[in-house]
């Protein structure tokens, strides 16, 4: 299955998935690092990260091909790390593509 995701969603997911634990704030950010270490949470599988990187690099916003279970895992991961809205967008994209 291949789904279309907005570029900003792909970027946010990749930024969150590949940021080091307790990572520094983005360049130009006014936010100060939290004194508490960032929760590591579950990791995304390499095939999901690879598909997201390819979509970001190609600028086509086409994520896949991945199995339905991979998209379910991506949505669940988004929710578990606080990217609830992005998880909802992934689910809507799957329904649209299905």
C-alpha atoms as a PDB file:
ATOM      1  CA  UNK A   1       0.000   0.000   0.000  1.00  0.00           C
ATOM      2  CA  UNK A   2       1.149   3.523  -0.819  1.00  0.00           C
ATOM      3  CA  UNK A   3      -0.356   6.609   0.831  1.00  0.00           C
ATOM      4  CA  UNK A   4       0.050  10.335   0.326  1.00  0.00           C
ATOM      5  CA  UNK A   5       1.078  12.313   3.409  1.00  0.00           C
ATOM      6  CA  UNK A   6       1.667  16.059   3.641  1.00  0.00           C
ATOM      7  CA  UNK A   7       5.342  17.006   3.540  1.00  0.00           C
ATOM      8  CA  UNK A   8       5.187  18.721   6.945  1.00  0.00           C
ATOM      9  CA  UNK A   9       3.813  15.527   8.544  1.00  0.00           C
ATOM     10  CA  UNK A  10       6.604  13.455   6.989  1.00  0.00           C
ATOM     11  CA  UNK A  11       9.186  15.972   8.222  1.00  0.00           C
ATOM     12  CA  UNK A  12       7.775  16.109  11.765  1.00  0.00           C
ATOM     13  CA  UNK A  13       7.672  12.326  12.072  1.00  0.00           C
ATOM     14  CA  UNK A  14      11.231  11.937  10.777  1.00  0.00           C
ATOM     15  CA  UNK A  15      12.519  14.746  12.979  1.00  0.00           C
ATOM     16  CA  UNK A  16      10.958  13.119  16.024  1.00  0.00           C
ATOM     17  CA  UNK A  17      12.017   9.585  15.070  1.00  0.00           C
ATOM     18  CA  UNK A  18      15.640  10.472  14.385  1.00  0.00           C
ATOM     19  CA  UNK A  19      16.261  13.080  17.115  1.00  0.00           C
ATOM     20  CA  UNK A  20      18.695  11.943  19.790  1.00  0.00           C
ATOM     21  CA  UNK A  21      17.209  11.466  23.261  1.00  0.00           C
ATOM     22  CA  UNK A  22      17.282  14.766  25.108  1.00  0.00           C
ATOM     23  CA  UNK A  23      18.145  16.399  21.787  1.00  0.00           C
ATOM     24  CA  UNK A  24      18.980  20.060  21.526  1.00  0.00           C
ATOM     25  CA  UNK A  25      16.317  22.469  20.347  1.00  0.00           C
ATOM     26  CA  UNK A  26      16.165  23.297  16.649  1.00  0.00           C
ATOM     27  CA  UNK A  27      18.447  26.035  15.375  1.00  0.00           C
ATOM     28  CA  UNK A  28      16.730  29.365  15.808  1.00  0.00           C
ATOM     29  CA  UNK A  29      14.342  27.924  18.391  1.00  0.00           C
ATOM     30  CA  UNK A  30      13.662  29.982  21.503  1.00  0.00           C
ATOM     31  CA  UNK A  31      12.819  26.895  23.485  1.00  0.00           C
ATOM     32  CA  UNK A  32      15.339  25.836  26.061  1.00  0.00           C
ATOM     33  CA  UNK A  33      16.174  22.190  26.539  1.00  0.00           C
ATOM     34  CA  UNK A  34      14.058  20.489  29.139  1.00  0.00           C
ATOM     35  CA  UNK A  35      15.890  19.618  32.348  1.00  0.00           C
ATOM     36  CA  UNK A  36      14.212  16.225  32.135  1.00  0.00           C
ATOM     37  CA  UNK A  37      15.539  13.694  29.621  1.00  0.00           C
ATOM     38  CA  UNK A  38      13.286  13.074  26.666  1.00  0.00           C
ATOM     39  CA  UNK A  39      11.411   9.807  26.802  1.00  0.00           C
ATOM     40  CA  UNK A  40      12.822   7.443  24.249  1.00  0.00           C
ATOM     41  CA  UNK A  41       9.613   5.491  23.679  1.00  0.00           C
ATOM     42  CA  UNK A  42       9.313   2.833  21.015  1.00  0.00           C
ATOM     43  CA  UNK A  43      11.380   3.091  17.856  1.00  0.00           C
ATOM     44  CA  UNK A  44       9.995   3.081  14.342  1.00  0.00           C
ATOM     45  CA  UNK A  45      11.096   0.178  12.167  1.00  0.00           C
ATOM     46  CA  UNK A  46      13.774   0.840   9.571  1.00  0.00           C
ATOM     47  CA  UNK A  47      11.423   0.087   6.668  1.00  0.00           C
ATOM     48  CA  UNK A  48       9.000   2.804   7.832  1.00  0.00           C
ATOM     49  CA  UNK A  49      11.821   5.318   8.339  1.00  0.00           C
ATOM     50  CA  UNK A  50      13.237   4.398   4.929  1.00  0.00           C
ATOM     51  CA  UNK A  51       9.877   4.922   3.210  1.00  0.00           C
ATOM     52  CA  UNK A  52       9.459   8.297   4.948  1.00  0.00           C
ATOM     53  CA  UNK A  53      12.999   9.384   3.983  1.00  0.00           C
ATOM     54  CA  UNK A  54      12.338   8.398   0.362  1.00  0.00           C
ATOM     55  CA  UNK A  55       9.076  10.373   0.321  1.00  0.00           C
ATOM     56  CA  UNK A  56      10.835  13.404   1.828  1.00  0.00           C
ATOM     57  CA  UNK A  57      13.768  13.202  -0.581  1.00  0.00           C
ATOM     58  CA  UNK A  58      11.624  12.628  -3.677  1.00  0.00           C
ATOM     59  CA  UNK A  59       9.241  15.396  -2.560  1.00  0.00           C
ATOM     60  CA  UNK A  60       6.451  13.237  -3.953  1.00  0.00           C
ATOM     61  CA  UNK A  61       4.773  12.749  -0.549  1.00  0.00           C
ATOM     62  CA  UNK A  62       4.144   9.110  -1.523  1.00  0.00           C
ATOM     63  CA  UNK A  63       4.946   6.866   1.439  1.00  0.00           C
ATOM     64  CA  UNK A  64       5.341   3.191   0.658  1.00  0.00           C
ATOM     65  CA  UNK A  65       5.012   0.567  -0.395  1.00  0.00           C
ATOM     66  CA  UNK A  66       4.374  -0.612   3.134  1.00  0.00           C
ATOM     67  CA  UNK A  67       2.059  -3.179   4.634  1.00  0.00           C
ATOM     68  CA  UNK A  68      -1.146  -2.091   6.353  1.00  0.00           C
ATOM     69  CA  UNK A  69       0.417  -3.225   9.643  1.00  0.00           C
ATOM     70  CA  UNK A  70       3.296  -0.774   9.080  1.00  0.00           C
ATOM     71  CA  UNK A  71       0.880   2.133   8.711  1.00  0.00           C
ATOM     72  CA  UNK A  72      -0.960   0.965  11.839  1.00  0.00           C
ATOM     73  CA  UNK A  73       2.381   0.865  13.674  1.00  0.00           C
ATOM     74  CA  UNK A  74       3.259   4.351  12.371  1.00  0.00           C
ATOM     75  CA  UNK A  75      -0.053   5.773  13.565  1.00  0.00           C
ATOM     76  CA  UNK A  76       0.312   4.108  16.983  1.00  0.00           C
ATOM     77  CA  UNK A  77       3.899   5.358  17.260  1.00  0.00           C
ATOM     78  CA  UNK A  78       2.811   8.928  16.456  1.00  0.00           C
ATOM     79  CA  UNK A  79       0.240   8.795  19.238  1.00  0.00           C
ATOM     80  CA  UNK A  80       2.720   7.280  21.712  1.00  0.00           C
ATOM     81  CA  UNK A  81       5.229  10.093  21.214  1.00  0.00           C
ATOM     82  CA  UNK A  82       2.699  12.927  21.307  1.00  0.00           C
ATOM     83  CA  UNK A  83       2.182  13.439  17.579  1.00  0.00           C
ATOM     84  CA  UNK A  84      -1.518  12.663  17.897  1.00  0.00           C
ATOM     85  CA  UNK A  85      -2.646  14.853  14.999  1.00  0.00           C
ATOM     86  CA  UNK A  86      -0.046  13.282  12.698  1.00  0.00           C
ATOM     87  CA  UNK A  87      -1.287   9.826  13.719  1.00  0.00           C
ATOM     88  CA  UNK A  88      -4.809  10.881  12.749  1.00  0.00           C
ATOM     89  CA  UNK A  89      -3.521  12.153   9.390  1.00  0.00           C
ATOM     90  CA  UNK A  90      -1.801   8.803   8.733  1.00  0.00           C
ATOM     91  CA  UNK A  91      -5.046   6.957   9.533  1.00  0.00           C
ATOM     92  CA  UNK A  92      -7.067   9.242   7.240  1.00  0.00           C
ATOM     93  CA  UNK A  93      -4.545   8.741   4.417  1.00  0.00           C
ATOM     94  CA  UNK A  94      -4.819   4.963   4.795  1.00  0.00           C
ATOM     95  CA  UNK A  95      -8.629   5.130   4.668  1.00  0.00           C
ATOM     96  CA  UNK A  96      -8.461   7.315   1.550  1.00  0.00           C
ATOM     97  CA  UNK A  97      -6.017   4.972  -0.171  1.00  0.00           C
ATOM     98  CA  UNK A  98      -7.889   1.815   0.842  1.00  0.00           C
END
